Amino acid sequence: ATALNAVNTVVFDGEKAIGHNTDRSGFA
């Protein structure tokens, strides 16, 4: 997500909202 500056998945873990990107792995 950092490398792409884009997120398609957000996980709420306690007080934190953590962004991920599964589009890259999905397309590859």
PDB file of all heavy atoms in Angstrom:
ATOM      1  N   ALA A   1       0.826  -1.202   0.000  1.00  0.00           N
ATOM      2  CA  ALA A   1       0.000   0.000   0.000  1.00  0.00           C
ATOM      3  C   ALA A   1       0.865   1.259   0.000  1.00  0.00           C
ATOM      4  O   ALA A   1       0.535   2.251  -0.654  1.00  0.00           O
ATOM      5  CB  ALA A   1      -0.923  -0.002   1.210  1.00  0.00           C
ATOM      6  N   THR A   2       1.979   1.203   0.713  1.00  0.00           N
ATOM      7  CA  THR A   2       2.903   2.344   0.731  1.00  0.00           C
ATOM      8  C   THR A   2       3.495   2.574  -0.650  1.00  0.00           C
ATOM      9  O   THR A   2       3.541   3.701  -1.145  1.00  0.00           O
ATOM     10  CB  THR A   2       4.037   2.099   1.746  1.00  0.00           C
ATOM     11  OG1 THR A   2       3.471   1.957   3.056  1.00  0.00           O
ATOM     12  CG2 THR A   2       5.016   3.258   1.751  1.00  0.00           C
ATOM     13  N   ALA A   3       3.951   1.506  -1.289  1.00  0.00           N
ATOM     14  CA  ALA A   3       4.567   1.625  -2.604  1.00  0.00           C
ATOM     15  C   ALA A   3       3.578   2.126  -3.647  1.00  0.00           C
ATOM     16  O   ALA A   3       3.932   2.923  -4.527  1.00  0.00           O
ATOM     17  CB  ALA A   3       5.141   0.279  -3.034  1.00  0.00           C
ATOM     18  N   LEU A   4       2.334   1.707  -3.554  1.00  0.00           N
ATOM     19  CA  LEU A   4       1.325   2.076  -4.541  1.00  0.00           C
ATOM     20  C   LEU A   4       0.602   3.372  -4.203  1.00  0.00           C
ATOM     21  O   LEU A   4      -0.049   3.962  -5.052  1.00  0.00           O
ATOM     22  CB  LEU A   4       0.285   0.959  -4.670  1.00  0.00           C
ATOM     23  CG  LEU A   4       0.589  -0.187  -5.633  1.00  0.00           C
ATOM     24  CD1 LEU A   4       1.873  -0.928  -5.260  1.00  0.00           C
ATOM     25  CD2 LEU A   4      -0.576  -1.168  -5.680  1.00  0.00           C
ATOM     26  N   ASN A   5       0.707   3.791  -2.931  1.00  0.00           N
ATOM     27  CA  ASN A   5      -0.049   4.946  -2.442  1.00  0.00           C
ATOM     28  C   ASN A   5      -1.546   4.761  -2.706  1.00  0.00           C
ATOM     29  O   ASN A   5      -2.256   5.688  -3.091  1.00  0.00           O
ATOM     30  CB  ASN A   5       0.440   6.249  -3.069  1.00  0.00           C
ATOM     31  CG  ASN A   5      -0.109   7.481  -2.357  1.00  0.00           C
ATOM     32  OD1 ASN A   5      -0.228   7.487  -1.134  1.00  0.00           O
ATOM     33  ND2 ASN A   5      -0.433   8.519  -3.113  1.00  0.00           N
ATOM     34  N   ALA A   6      -2.000   3.539  -2.510  1.00  0.00           N
ATOM     35  CA  ALA A   6      -3.406   3.203  -2.731  1.00  0.00           C
ATOM     36  C   ALA A   6      -3.746   1.977  -1.889  1.00  0.00           C
ATOM     37  O   ALA A   6      -2.906   1.104  -1.695  1.00  0.00           O
ATOM     38  CB  ALA A   6      -3.677   2.918  -4.202  1.00  0.00           C
ATOM     39  N   VAL A   7      -4.968   1.948  -1.399  1.00  0.00           N
ATOM     40  CA  VAL A   7      -5.422   0.799  -0.606  1.00  0.00           C
ATOM     41  C   VAL A   7      -6.735   0.274  -1.173  1.00  0.00           C
ATOM     42  O   VAL A   7      -7.543   1.023  -1.703  1.00  0.00           O
ATOM     43  CB  VAL A   7      -5.617   1.161   0.889  1.00  0.00           C
ATOM     44  CG1 VAL A   7      -4.323   1.658   1.502  1.00  0.00           C
ATOM     45  CG2 VAL A   7      -6.712   2.202   1.068  1.00  0.00           C
ATOM     46  N   ASN A   8      -6.915  -1.029  -1.082  1.00  0.00           N
ATOM     47  CA  ASN A   8      -8.213  -1.601  -1.414  1.00  0.00           C
ATOM     48  C   ASN A   8      -8.765  -2.430  -0.263  1.00  0.00           C
ATOM     49  O   ASN A   8      -9.863  -2.962  -0.354  1.00  0.00           O
ATOM     50  CB  ASN A   8      -8.134  -2.454  -2.696  1.00  0.00           C
ATOM     51  CG  ASN A   8      -7.512  -3.808  -2.461  1.00  0.00           C
ATOM     52  OD1 ASN A   8      -6.620  -3.963  -1.622  1.00  0.00           O
ATOM     53  ND2 ASN A   8      -7.963  -4.807  -3.203  1.00  0.00           N
ATOM     54  N   THR A   9      -7.990  -2.526   0.818  1.00  0.00           N
ATOM     55  CA  THR A   9      -8.412  -3.287   1.993  1.00  0.00           C
ATOM     56  C   THR A   9      -7.939  -2.564   3.244  1.00  0.00           C
ATOM     57  O   THR A   9      -6.768  -2.196   3.336  1.00  0.00           O
ATOM     58  CB  THR A   9      -7.819  -4.710   1.977  1.00  0.00           C
ATOM     59  OG1 THR A   9      -8.215  -5.372   0.769  1.00  0.00           O
ATOM     60  CG2 THR A   9      -8.307  -5.521   3.162  1.00  0.00           C
ATOM     61  N   VAL A  10      -8.849  -2.367   4.184  1.00  0.00           N
ATOM     62  CA  VAL A  10      -8.510  -1.746   5.466  1.00  0.00           C
ATOM     63  C   VAL A  10      -8.913  -2.701   6.573  1.00  0.00           C
ATOM     64  O   VAL A  10     -10.064  -3.172   6.615  1.00  0.00           O
ATOM     65  CB  VAL A  10      -9.216  -0.392   5.654  1.00  0.00           C
ATOM     66  CG1 VAL A  10      -8.923   0.179   7.044  1.00  0.00           C
ATOM     67  CG2 VAL A  10      -8.783   0.594   4.573  1.00  0.00           C
ATOM     68  N   VAL A  11      -7.983  -3.003   7.448  1.00  0.00           N
ATOM     69  CA  VAL A  11      -8.251  -3.868   8.595  1.00  0.00           C
ATOM     70  C   VAL A  11      -8.244  -3.010   9.853  1.00  0.00           C
ATOM     71  O   VAL A  11      -7.307  -2.233  10.082  1.00  0.00           O
ATOM     72  CB  VAL A  11      -7.189  -4.979   8.710  1.00  0.00           C
ATOM     73  CG1 VAL A  11      -7.425  -5.803   9.978  1.00  0.00           C
ATOM     74  CG2 VAL A  11      -7.232  -5.872   7.476  1.00  0.00           C
ATOM     75  N   PHE A  12      -9.289  -3.137  10.665  1.00  0.00           N
ATOM     76  CA  PHE A  12      -9.352  -2.427  11.935  1.00  0.00           C
ATOM     77  C   PHE A  12      -8.809  -3.334  13.026  1.00  0.00           C
ATOM     78  O   PHE A  12      -9.383  -4.375  13.335  1.00  0.00           O
ATOM     79  CB  PHE A  12     -10.789  -2.004  12.252  1.00  0.00           C
ATOM     80  CG  PHE A  12     -11.378  -1.089  11.206  1.00  0.00           C
ATOM     81  CD1 PHE A  12     -12.571  -1.412  10.563  1.00  0.00           C
ATOM     82  CD2 PHE A  12     -10.739   0.089  10.859  1.00  0.00           C
ATOM     83  CE1 PHE A  12     -13.112  -0.571   9.616  1.00  0.00           C
ATOM     84  CE2 PHE A  12     -11.271   0.944   9.900  1.00  0.00           C
ATOM     85  CZ  PHE A  12     -12.458   0.609   9.272  1.00  0.00           C
ATOM     86  N   ASP A  13      -7.687  -2.951  13.588  1.00  0.00           N
ATOM     87  CA  ASP A  13      -6.992  -3.751  14.588  1.00  0.00           C
ATOM     88  C   ASP A  13      -6.872  -2.917  15.857  1.00  0.00           C
ATOM     89  O   ASP A  13      -5.986  -2.072  15.978  1.00  0.00           O
ATOM     90  CB  ASP A  13      -5.612  -4.153  14.072  1.00  0.00           C
ATOM     91  CG  ASP A  13      -4.878  -5.109  15.005  1.00  0.00           C
ATOM     92  OD1 ASP A  13      -5.450  -5.461  16.053  1.00  0.00           O
ATOM     93  OD2 ASP A  13      -3.745  -5.498  14.679  1.00  0.00           O
ATOM     94  N   GLY A  14      -7.793  -3.157  16.798  1.00  0.00           N
ATOM     95  CA  GLY A  14      -7.806  -2.342  18.003  1.00  0.00           C
ATOM     96  C   GLY A  14      -8.147  -0.906  17.646  1.00  0.00           C
ATOM     97  O   GLY A  14      -9.152  -0.628  16.999  1.00  0.00           O
ATOM     98  N   GLU A  15      -7.278   0.008  18.026  1.00  0.00           N
ATOM     99  CA  GLU A  15      -7.499   1.419  17.733  1.00  0.00           C
ATOM    100  C   GLU A  15      -6.989   1.813  16.355  1.00  0.00           C
ATOM    101  O   GLU A  15      -7.212   2.947  15.911  1.00  0.00           O
ATOM    102  CB  GLU A  15      -6.798   2.281  18.797  1.00  0.00           C
ATOM    103  CG  GLU A  15      -7.340   2.091  20.205  1.00  0.00           C
ATOM    104  CD  GLU A  15      -8.802   2.475  20.311  1.00  0.00           C
ATOM    105  OE1 GLU A  15      -9.174   3.530  19.760  1.00  0.00           O
ATOM    106  OE2 GLU A  15      -9.574   1.715  20.929  1.00  0.00           O
ATOM    107  N   LYS A  16      -6.305   0.929  15.671  1.00  0.00           N
ATOM    108  CA  LYS A  16      -5.654   1.276  14.413  1.00  0.00           C
ATOM    109  C   LYS A  16      -6.455   0.838  13.182  1.00  0.00           C
ATOM    110  O   LYS A  16      -7.090  -0.212  13.190  1.00  0.00           O
ATOM    111  CB  LYS A  16      -4.258   0.653  14.345  1.00  0.00           C
ATOM    112  CG  LYS A  16      -3.271   1.224  15.346  1.00  0.00           C
ATOM    113  CD  LYS A  16      -1.902   0.587  15.157  1.00  0.00           C
ATOM    114  CE  LYS A  16      -0.879   1.186  16.110  1.00  0.00           C
ATOM    115  NZ  LYS A  16       0.467   0.570  15.918  1.00  0.00           N
ATOM    116  N   ALA A  17      -6.360   1.671  12.147  1.00  0.00           N
ATOM    117  CA  ALA A  17      -6.887   1.334  10.827  1.00  0.00           C
ATOM    118  C   ALA A  17      -5.684   1.138   9.913  1.00  0.00           C
ATOM    119  O   ALA A  17      -4.919   2.078   9.666  1.00  0.00           O
ATOM    120  CB  ALA A  17      -7.780   2.444  10.303  1.00  0.00           C
ATOM    121  N   ILE A  18      -5.507  -0.096   9.437  1.00  0.00           N
ATOM    122  CA  ILE A  18      -4.303  -0.453   8.685  1.00  0.00           C
ATOM    123  C   ILE A  18      -4.671  -0.736   7.229  1.00  0.00           C
ATOM    124  O   ILE A  18      -5.532  -1.572   6.945  1.00  0.00           O
ATOM    125  CB  ILE A  18      -3.616  -1.678   9.309  1.00  0.00           C
ATOM    126  CG1 ILE A  18      -3.321  -1.403  10.794  1.00  0.00           C
ATOM    127  CG2 ILE A  18      -2.338  -2.015   8.550  1.00  0.00           C
ATOM    128  CD1 ILE A  18      -2.853  -2.609  11.553  1.00  0.00           C
ATOM    129  N   GLY A  19      -4.009  -0.038   6.313  1.00  0.00           N
ATOM    130  CA  GLY A  19      -4.310  -0.174   4.895  1.00  0.00           C
ATOM    131  C   GLY A  19      -3.435  -1.192   4.197  1.00  0.00           C
ATOM    132  O   GLY A  19      -2.229  -1.265   4.432  1.00  0.00           O
ATOM    133  N   HIS A  20      -4.041  -1.968   3.323  1.00  0.00           N
ATOM    134  CA  HIS A  20      -3.350  -2.983   2.524  1.00  0.00           C
ATOM    135  C   HIS A  20      -3.760  -2.820   1.066  1.00  0.00           C
ATOM    136  O   HIS A  20      -4.730  -2.138   0.749  1.00  0.00           O
ATOM    137  CB  HIS A  20      -3.721  -4.388   2.987  1.00  0.00           C
ATOM    138  CG  HIS A  20      -3.417  -4.674   4.422  1.00  0.00           C
ATOM    139  ND1 HIS A  20      -2.264  -5.313   4.828  1.00  0.00           N
ATOM    140  CD2 HIS A  20      -4.123  -4.404   5.560  1.00  0.00           C
ATOM    141  CE1 HIS A  20      -2.265  -5.427   6.146  1.00  0.00           C
ATOM    142  NE2 HIS A  20      -3.380  -4.901   6.614  1.00  0.00           N
ATOM    143  N   ASN A  21      -3.019  -3.465   0.191  1.00  0.00           N
ATOM    144  CA  ASN A  21      -3.402  -3.494  -1.219  1.00  0.00           C
ATOM    145  C   ASN A  21      -3.271  -4.911  -1.742  1.00  0.00           C
ATOM    146  O   ASN A  21      -2.161  -5.437  -1.837  1.00  0.00           O
ATOM    147  CB  ASN A  21      -2.540  -2.539  -2.049  1.00  0.00           C
ATOM    148  CG  ASN A  21      -3.141  -2.301  -3.419  1.00  0.00           C
ATOM    149  OD1 ASN A  21      -3.327  -3.227  -4.191  1.00  0.00           O
ATOM    150  ND2 ASN A  21      -3.467  -1.042  -3.709  1.00  0.00           N
ATOM    151  N   THR A  22      -4.406  -5.522  -2.062  1.00  0.00           N
ATOM    152  CA  THR A  22      -4.393  -6.880  -2.615  1.00  0.00           C
ATOM    153  C   THR A  22      -4.641  -6.877  -4.119  1.00  0.00           C
ATOM    154  O   THR A  22      -4.670  -7.929  -4.745  1.00  0.00           O
ATOM    155  CB  THR A  22      -5.443  -7.781  -1.930  1.00  0.00           C
ATOM    156  OG1 THR A  22      -6.766  -7.319  -2.249  1.00  0.00           O
ATOM    157  CG2 THR A  22      -5.268  -7.768  -0.411  1.00  0.00           C
ATOM    158  N   ASP A  23      -4.810  -5.682  -4.707  1.00  0.00           N
ATOM    159  CA  ASP A  23      -4.978  -5.600  -6.158  1.00  0.00           C
ATOM    160  C   ASP A  23      -3.706  -6.032  -6.886  1.00  0.00           C
ATOM    161  O   ASP A  23      -3.763  -6.683  -7.925  1.00  0.00           O
ATOM    162  CB  ASP A  23      -5.328  -4.169  -6.576  1.00  0.00           C
ATOM    163  CG  ASP A  23      -6.774  -3.813  -6.324  1.00  0.00           C
ATOM    164  OD1 ASP A  23      -7.607  -4.732  -6.273  1.00  0.00           O
ATOM    165  OD2 ASP A  23      -7.076  -2.611  -6.183  1.00  0.00           O
ATOM    166  N   ARG A  24      -2.551  -5.621  -6.337  1.00  0.00           N
ATOM    167  CA  ARG A  24      -1.281  -5.963  -6.998  1.00  0.00           C
ATOM    168  C   ARG A  24      -1.106  -7.481  -7.060  1.00  0.00           C
ATOM    169  O   ARG A  24      -0.851  -8.040  -8.129  1.00  0.00           O
ATOM    170  CB  ARG A  24      -0.115  -5.326  -6.258  1.00  0.00           C
ATOM    171  CG  ARG A  24       1.241  -5.778  -6.772  1.00  0.00           C
ATOM    172  CD  ARG A  24       2.378  -5.068  -6.056  1.00  0.00           C
ATOM    173  NE  ARG A  24       3.667  -5.699  -6.323  1.00  0.00           N
ATOM    174  CZ  ARG A  24       4.841  -5.195  -5.970  1.00  0.00           C
ATOM    175  NH1 ARG A  24       4.891  -4.057  -5.314  1.00  0.00           N
ATOM    176  NH2 ARG A  24       5.952  -5.835  -6.237  1.00  0.00           N
ATOM    177  N   SER A  25      -1.233  -8.147  -5.933  1.00  0.00           N
ATOM    178  CA  SER A  25      -1.066  -9.599  -5.918  1.00  0.00           C
ATOM    179  C   SER A  25      -2.169 -10.278  -6.717  1.00  0.00           C
ATOM    180  O   SER A  25      -1.937 -11.286  -7.388  1.00  0.00           O
ATOM    181  CB  SER A  25      -1.058 -10.123  -4.475  1.00  0.00           C
ATOM    182  OG  SER A  25      -2.256  -9.762  -3.792  1.00  0.00           O
ATOM    183  N   GLY A  26      -3.385  -9.709  -6.664  1.00  0.00           N
ATOM    184  CA  GLY A  26      -4.501 -10.296  -7.400  1.00  0.00           C
ATOM    185  C   GLY A  26      -4.286 -10.251  -8.899  1.00  0.00           C
ATOM    186  O   GLY A  26      -4.518 -11.243  -9.598  1.00  0.00           O
ATOM    187  N   PHE A  27      -3.809  -9.109  -9.413  1.00  0.00           N
ATOM    188  CA  PHE A  27      -3.591  -9.025 -10.853  1.00  0.00           C
ATOM    189  C   PHE A  27      -2.402  -9.876 -11.284  1.00  0.00           C
ATOM    190  O   PHE A  27      -2.451 -10.533 -12.327  1.00  0.00           O
ATOM    191  CB  PHE A  27      -3.354  -7.571 -11.292  1.00  0.00           C
ATOM    192  CG  PHE A  27      -3.116  -7.456 -12.773  1.00  0.00           C
ATOM    193  CD1 PHE A  27      -4.178  -7.498 -13.660  1.00  0.00           C
ATOM    194  CD2 PHE A  27      -1.826  -7.345 -13.275  1.00  0.00           C
ATOM    195  CE1 PHE A  27      -3.963  -7.432 -15.037  1.00  0.00           C
ATOM    196  CE2 PHE A  27      -1.600  -7.275 -14.645  1.00  0.00           C
ATOM    197  CZ  PHE A  27      -2.682  -7.316 -15.526  1.00  0.00           C
ATOM    198  N   ALA A  28      -1.343  -9.858 -10.497  1.00  0.00           N
ATOM    199  CA  ALA A  28      -0.153 -10.649 -10.855  1.00  0.00           C
ATOM    200  C   ALA A  28      -0.506 -12.126 -10.976  1.00  0.00           C
ATOM    201  O   ALA A  28      -0.095 -12.800 -11.938  1.00  0.00           O
ATOM    202  CB  ALA A  28       0.945 -10.450  -9.815  1.00  0.00           C
TER     203      ALA A  28
END
